[in-house]
Amino acid sequence: SSILRGCLRSVQKHAKLARNANQTLLFSRAFALKTPADDAALIAILKETPEERLLVIDWTATWCGPCRQIAPYFEEMSKEHKDVTFLKCDIDTLKDSAGQASISAVPTFHFVKAGKLLDQVAGADLEKINSLVTKHK
């Protein structure tokens, strides 16, 4: 009985370690959609992105209903277009960057290549966003 309890504890411990290892692997893999934690992280992503690669920036806010509605579609788009970098930037977290980008409405989507703003979409117009990704990549 005590041997059985010991085995059970060992199995539970290993199962917990396996779950934790799996979660670590899940979260450490490269995601198609990047979410900068602060202005410095956004600047780093912008600097490390090759000039020929299209960046699509979703300027969003947690309190914005249309932002929440389009979020899963934006994430799907990031999985479909692996040759494009997709960023989800919260205007309340990235206040300085949002101010420099002159964001006055959310969601706003910026299409950037080689440091230049090519296009923008104000509002959750998925069809227009898709067409601009295809046009500029």
C-alpha atoms as a PDB file:
ATOM      1  CA  SER A   1       0.000   0.000   0.000  1.00  0.00           C
ATOM      2  CA  SER A   2       2.789   2.464   0.881  1.00  0.00           C
ATOM      3  CA  ILE A   3       4.701   1.295  -2.220  1.00  0.00           C
ATOM      4  CA  LEU A   4       1.583   1.926  -4.308  1.00  0.00           C
ATOM      5  CA  ARG A   5       1.189   5.431  -2.853  1.00  0.00           C
ATOM      6  CA  GLY A   6       4.860   6.122  -3.581  1.00  0.00           C
ATOM      7  CA  CYS A   7       4.448   4.976  -7.185  1.00  0.00           C
ATOM      8  CA  LEU A   8       1.300   7.066  -7.550  1.00  0.00           C
ATOM      9  CA  ARG A   9       3.102  10.175  -6.230  1.00  0.00           C
ATOM     10  CA  SER A  10       5.981   9.501  -8.627  1.00  0.00           C
ATOM     11  CA  VAL A  11       3.614   9.147 -11.589  1.00  0.00           C
ATOM     12  CA  GLN A  12       1.785  12.355 -10.608  1.00  0.00           C
ATOM     13  CA  LYS A  13       5.084  14.198 -10.231  1.00  0.00           C
ATOM     14  CA  HIS A  14       6.291  13.043 -13.660  1.00  0.00           C
ATOM     15  CA  ALA A  15       2.944  13.866 -15.248  1.00  0.00           C
ATOM     16  CA  LYS A  16       3.156  17.372 -13.771  1.00  0.00           C
ATOM     17  CA  LEU A  17       6.729  17.773 -15.059  1.00  0.00           C
ATOM     18  CA  ALA A  18       5.643  16.579 -18.515  1.00  0.00           C
ATOM     19  CA  ARG A  19       2.753  19.067 -18.539  1.00  0.00           C
ATOM     20  CA  ASN A  20       5.106  21.867 -17.487  1.00  0.00           C
ATOM     21  CA  ALA A  21       7.672  20.848 -20.116  1.00  0.00           C
ATOM     22  CA  ASN A  22       4.942  20.766 -22.750  1.00  0.00           C
ATOM     23  CA  GLN A  23       3.753  24.232 -21.739  1.00  0.00           C
ATOM     24  CA  THR A  24       7.297  25.531 -21.880  1.00  0.00           C
ATOM     25  CA  LEU A  25       7.732  24.103 -25.370  1.00  0.00           C
ATOM     26  CA  LEU A  26       4.390  25.514 -26.428  1.00  0.00           C
ATOM     27  CA  PHE A  27       5.235  29.005 -25.254  1.00  0.00           C
ATOM     28  CA  SER A  28       8.829  29.025 -26.464  1.00  0.00           C
ATOM     29  CA  ARG A  29       8.051  28.243 -30.089  1.00  0.00           C
ATOM     30  CA  ALA A  30       8.043  31.084 -32.595  1.00  0.00           C
ATOM     31  CA  PHE A  31       4.599  32.560 -33.021  1.00  0.00           C
ATOM     32  CA  ALA A  32       3.432  34.061 -36.289  1.00  0.00           C
ATOM     33  CA  LEU A  33       1.850  36.932 -34.342  1.00  0.00           C
ATOM     34  CA  LYS A  34       4.126  39.013 -32.130  1.00  0.00           C
ATOM     35  CA  THR A  35       2.910  41.154 -29.230  1.00  0.00           C
ATOM     36  CA  PRO A  36       5.570  43.606 -28.044  1.00  0.00           C
ATOM     37  CA  ALA A  37       5.514  44.050 -24.258  1.00  0.00           C
ATOM     38  CA  ASP A  38       6.720  47.654 -24.359  1.00  0.00           C
ATOM     39  CA  ASP A  39       7.944  50.418 -26.685  1.00  0.00           C
ATOM     40  CA  ALA A  40      11.531  49.128 -26.553  1.00  0.00           C
ATOM     41  CA  ALA A  41      10.407  45.653 -27.673  1.00  0.00           C
ATOM     42  CA  LEU A  42       8.473  47.173 -30.584  1.00  0.00           C
ATOM     43  CA  ILE A  43      11.512  49.196 -31.646  1.00  0.00           C
ATOM     44  CA  ALA A  44      13.666  46.043 -31.489  1.00  0.00           C
ATOM     45  CA  ILE A  45      11.215  44.135 -33.707  1.00  0.00           C
ATOM     46  CA  LEU A  46      11.109  46.999 -36.197  1.00  0.00           C
ATOM     47  CA  LYS A  47      14.921  47.124 -36.335  1.00  0.00           C
ATOM     48  CA  GLU A  48      15.386  43.351 -36.726  1.00  0.00           C
ATOM     49  CA  THR A  49      12.775  42.974 -39.489  1.00  0.00           C
ATOM     50  CA  PRO A  50      14.390  42.777 -42.952  1.00  0.00           C
ATOM     51  CA  GLU A  51      13.542  45.779 -45.166  1.00  0.00           C
ATOM     52  CA  GLU A  52      11.933  43.609 -47.851  1.00  0.00           C
ATOM     53  CA  ARG A  53       9.510  42.022 -45.350  1.00  0.00           C
ATOM     54  CA  LEU A  54       6.031  43.469 -44.859  1.00  0.00           C
ATOM     55  CA  LEU A  55       5.011  44.388 -41.312  1.00  0.00           C
ATOM     56  CA  VAL A  56       1.316  44.564 -40.475  1.00  0.00           C
ATOM     57  CA  ILE A  57       0.689  46.348 -37.194  1.00  0.00           C
ATOM     58  CA  ASP A  58      -2.665  45.972 -35.468  1.00  0.00           C
ATOM     59  CA  TRP A  59      -3.045  48.955 -33.130  1.00  0.00           C
ATOM     60  CA  THR A  60      -5.546  47.657 -30.617  1.00  0.00           C
ATOM     61  CA  ALA A  61      -6.907  48.059 -27.088  1.00  0.00           C
ATOM     62  CA  THR A  62      -8.267  45.516 -24.620  1.00  0.00           C
ATOM     63  CA  TRP A  63     -11.411  47.616 -24.054  1.00  0.00           C
ATOM     64  CA  CYS A  64     -12.224  47.850 -27.792  1.00  0.00           C
ATOM     65  CA  GLY A  65     -15.072  45.584 -28.964  1.00  0.00           C
ATOM     66  CA  PRO A  66     -14.198  45.599 -32.707  1.00  0.00           C
ATOM     67  CA  CYS A  67     -10.548  44.900 -31.767  1.00  0.00           C
ATOM     68  CA  ARG A  68     -11.576  41.788 -29.854  1.00  0.00           C
ATOM     69  CA  GLN A  69     -13.831  40.666 -32.708  1.00  0.00           C
ATOM     70  CA  ILE A  70     -11.156  40.873 -35.403  1.00  0.00           C
ATOM     71  CA  ALA A  71      -8.313  39.473 -33.231  1.00  0.00           C
ATOM     72  CA  PRO A  72      -8.844  35.759 -34.084  1.00  0.00           C
ATOM     73  CA  TYR A  73      -9.006  36.551 -37.815  1.00  0.00           C
ATOM     74  CA  PHE A  74      -5.826  38.631 -37.598  1.00  0.00           C
ATOM     75  CA  GLU A  75      -4.103  35.733 -35.844  1.00  0.00           C
ATOM     76  CA  GLU A  76      -5.294  33.302 -38.557  1.00  0.00           C
ATOM     77  CA  MET A  77      -3.995  35.677 -41.217  1.00  0.00           C
ATOM     78  CA  SER A  78      -0.593  35.659 -39.495  1.00  0.00           C
ATOM     79  CA  LYS A  79      -0.514  31.862 -39.799  1.00  0.00           C
ATOM     80  CA  GLU A  80      -1.477  31.941 -43.489  1.00  0.00           C
ATOM     81  CA  HIS A  81       1.093  34.572 -44.533  1.00  0.00           C
ATOM     82  CA  LYS A  82       4.327  33.274 -43.055  1.00  0.00           C
ATOM     83  CA  ASP A  83       6.337  35.719 -45.177  1.00  0.00           C
ATOM     84  CA  VAL A  84       4.759  38.694 -43.370  1.00  0.00           C
ATOM     85  CA  THR A  85       5.384  39.860 -39.800  1.00  0.00           C
ATOM     86  CA  PHE A  86       2.184  40.579 -37.860  1.00  0.00           C
ATOM     87  CA  LEU A  87       2.277  42.698 -34.713  1.00  0.00           C
ATOM     88  CA  LYS A  88      -0.478  43.261 -32.182  1.00  0.00           C
ATOM     89  CA  CYS A  89       0.261  46.533 -30.357  1.00  0.00           C
ATOM     90  CA  ASP A  90      -1.866  47.660 -27.430  1.00  0.00           C
ATOM     91  CA  ILE A  91      -2.156  51.459 -27.439  1.00  0.00           C
ATOM     92  CA  ASP A  92      -2.434  51.570 -23.646  1.00  0.00           C
ATOM     93  CA  THR A  93       0.794  49.579 -23.213  1.00  0.00           C
ATOM     94  CA  LEU A  94       2.711  51.209 -26.085  1.00  0.00           C
ATOM     95  CA  LYS A  95       1.591  54.806 -25.464  1.00  0.00           C
ATOM     96  CA  ASP A  96       4.721  56.476 -26.840  1.00  0.00           C
ATOM     97  CA  SER A  97       4.742  54.384 -30.017  1.00  0.00           C
ATOM     98  CA  ALA A  98       0.991  54.822 -30.545  1.00  0.00           C
ATOM     99  CA  GLY A  99       1.436  58.578 -30.163  1.00  0.00           C
ATOM    100  CA  GLN A 100       4.321  58.647 -32.649  1.00  0.00           C
ATOM    101  CA  ALA A 101       2.203  56.612 -35.079  1.00  0.00           C
ATOM    102  CA  SER A 102      -0.649  59.147 -34.667  1.00  0.00           C
ATOM    103  CA  ILE A 103      -3.196  56.491 -33.713  1.00  0.00           C
ATOM    104  CA  SER A 104      -6.555  58.183 -33.175  1.00  0.00           C
ATOM    105  CA  ALA A 105      -8.889  55.185 -33.550  1.00  0.00           C
ATOM    106  CA  VAL A 106      -8.714  51.470 -32.837  1.00  0.00           C
ATOM    107  CA  PRO A 107      -8.383  49.127 -34.457  1.00  0.00           C
ATOM    108  CA  THR A 108      -6.010  50.730 -36.939  1.00  0.00           C
ATOM    109  CA  PHE A 109      -3.829  48.575 -39.156  1.00  0.00           C
ATOM    110  CA  HIS A 110      -0.529  49.875 -40.531  1.00  0.00           C
ATOM    111  CA  PHE A 111       1.268  48.261 -43.461  1.00  0.00           C
ATOM    112  CA  VAL A 112       4.986  49.023 -43.243  1.00  0.00           C
ATOM    113  CA  LYS A 113       7.927  48.002 -45.393  1.00  0.00           C
ATOM    114  CA  ALA A 114      11.504  49.314 -45.245  1.00  0.00           C
ATOM    115  CA  GLY A 115      10.438  51.736 -42.499  1.00  0.00           C
ATOM    116  CA  LYS A 116       7.791  53.388 -44.681  1.00  0.00           C
ATOM    117  CA  LEU A 117       4.036  53.413 -44.075  1.00  0.00           C
ATOM    118  CA  LEU A 118       2.538  51.989 -47.279  1.00  0.00           C
ATOM    119  CA  ASP A 119      -1.120  51.887 -46.272  1.00  0.00           C
ATOM    120  CA  GLN A 120      -3.462  51.957 -43.312  1.00  0.00           C
ATOM    121  CA  VAL A 121      -6.956  50.778 -42.453  1.00  0.00           C
ATOM    122  CA  ALA A 122      -9.013  52.333 -39.673  1.00  0.00           C
ATOM    123  CA  GLY A 123     -11.655  49.887 -38.452  1.00  0.00           C
ATOM    124  CA  ALA A 124     -12.128  46.137 -38.537  1.00  0.00           C
ATOM    125  CA  ASP A 125     -12.413  45.747 -42.332  1.00  0.00           C
ATOM    126  CA  LEU A 126     -11.081  42.212 -42.775  1.00  0.00           C
ATOM    127  CA  GLU A 127     -11.546  42.154 -46.552  1.00  0.00           C
ATOM    128  CA  LYS A 128      -9.540  45.373 -47.008  1.00  0.00           C
ATOM    129  CA  ILE A 129      -6.810  44.149 -44.612  1.00  0.00           C
ATOM    130  CA  ASN A 130      -6.501  40.862 -46.534  1.00  0.00           C
ATOM    131  CA  SER A 131      -6.279  42.648 -49.882  1.00  0.00           C
ATOM    132  CA  LEU A 132      -3.576  45.027 -48.606  1.00  0.00           C
ATOM    133  CA  VAL A 133      -1.504  42.149 -47.202  1.00  0.00           C
ATOM    134  CA  THR A 134      -1.648  40.482 -50.627  1.00  0.00           C
ATOM    135  CA  LYS A 135      -0.908  43.765 -52.428  1.00  0.00           C
ATOM    136  CA  HIS A 136       2.148  44.738 -50.372  1.00  0.00           C
ATOM    137  CA  LYS A 137       3.892  41.459 -49.536  1.00  0.00           C
END
